[in-house]
C-alpha atoms as a PDB file:
ATOM      1  CA  MET A   1       0.000   0.000   0.000  1.00  0.00           C
ATOM      2  CA  VAL A   2       1.312   3.459  -0.870  1.00  0.00           C
ATOM      3  CA  PHE A   3       0.074   6.191   1.476  1.00  0.00           C
ATOM      4  CA  VAL A   4       0.356   9.820   0.373  1.00  0.00           C
ATOM      5  CA  HIS A   5      -0.446  12.226   3.191  1.00  0.00           C
ATOM      6  CA  GLY A   6      -2.776  15.127   2.489  1.00  0.00           C
ATOM      7  CA  GLU A   7      -2.292  17.524   5.369  1.00  0.00           C
ATOM      8  CA  SER A   8      -1.536  20.612   3.241  1.00  0.00           C
ATOM      9  CA  TYR A   9       0.985  22.849   5.014  1.00  0.00           C
ATOM     10  CA  PHE A  10       0.268  21.914   8.654  1.00  0.00           C
ATOM     11  CA  TRP A  11       1.884  18.459   8.758  1.00  0.00           C
ATOM     12  CA  GLY A  12       4.392  18.405   5.938  1.00  0.00           C
ATOM     13  CA  THR A  13       5.644  14.856   6.358  1.00  0.00           C
ATOM     14  CA  GLY A  14       4.518  11.269   6.113  1.00  0.00           C
ATOM     15  CA  ASN A  15       6.448  10.467   9.291  1.00  0.00           C
ATOM     16  CA  ALA A  16       3.526  11.714  11.402  1.00  0.00           C
ATOM     17  CA  TYR A  17       1.617   8.551  10.467  1.00  0.00           C
ATOM     18  CA  ASP A  18       2.458   5.199  12.005  1.00  0.00           C
ATOM     19  CA  GLY A  19       1.856   2.450   9.471  1.00  0.00           C
ATOM     20  CA  THR A  20       2.603  -0.470  11.815  1.00  0.00           C
ATOM     21  CA  ILE A  21      -1.027  -0.896  12.903  1.00  0.00           C
ATOM     22  CA  LEU A  22      -2.288  -0.852   9.326  1.00  0.00           C
ATOM     23  CA  ALA A  23       0.438  -3.253   8.238  1.00  0.00           C
ATOM     24  CA  SER A  24      -0.348  -5.726  11.010  1.00  0.00           C
ATOM     25  CA  TYR A  25      -4.125  -5.740  10.469  1.00  0.00           C
ATOM     26  CA  GLY A  26      -4.065  -5.609   6.680  1.00  0.00           C
ATOM     27  CA  ASP A  27      -1.024  -7.861   6.174  1.00  0.00           C
ATOM     28  CA  VAL A  28       0.493  -5.284   3.792  1.00  0.00           C
ATOM     29  CA  VAL A  29       3.683  -3.244   3.482  1.00  0.00           C
ATOM     30  CA  VAL A  30       2.991   0.455   4.047  1.00  0.00           C
ATOM     31  CA  VAL A  31       5.112   2.976   2.119  1.00  0.00           C
ATOM     32  CA  THR A  32       4.811   6.694   2.913  1.00  0.00           C
ATOM     33  CA  LEU A  33       6.019   9.468   0.634  1.00  0.00           C
ATOM     34  CA  ASN A  34       7.404  12.876   1.534  1.00  0.00           C
ATOM     35  CA  TYR A  35       6.925  15.699  -0.930  1.00  0.00           C
ATOM     36  CA  ARG A  36       6.926  19.490  -0.946  1.00  0.00           C
ATOM     37  CA  LEU A  37       4.222  21.722  -2.343  1.00  0.00           C
ATOM     38  CA  GLY A  38       6.066  25.038  -2.317  1.00  0.00           C
ATOM     39  CA  VAL A  39       9.314  26.819  -1.634  1.00  0.00           C
ATOM     40  CA  PHE A  40       8.912  26.805   2.155  1.00  0.00           C
END
């Protein structure tokens, strides 16, 4: 499963989400992406 966070400018990282619970219940590998929307 690829998880792309959508928290606009407040939480700018995928590290705020813990994928261990989802991985254990869903028997999947969770991959989070970090990206930037602007200069800051």
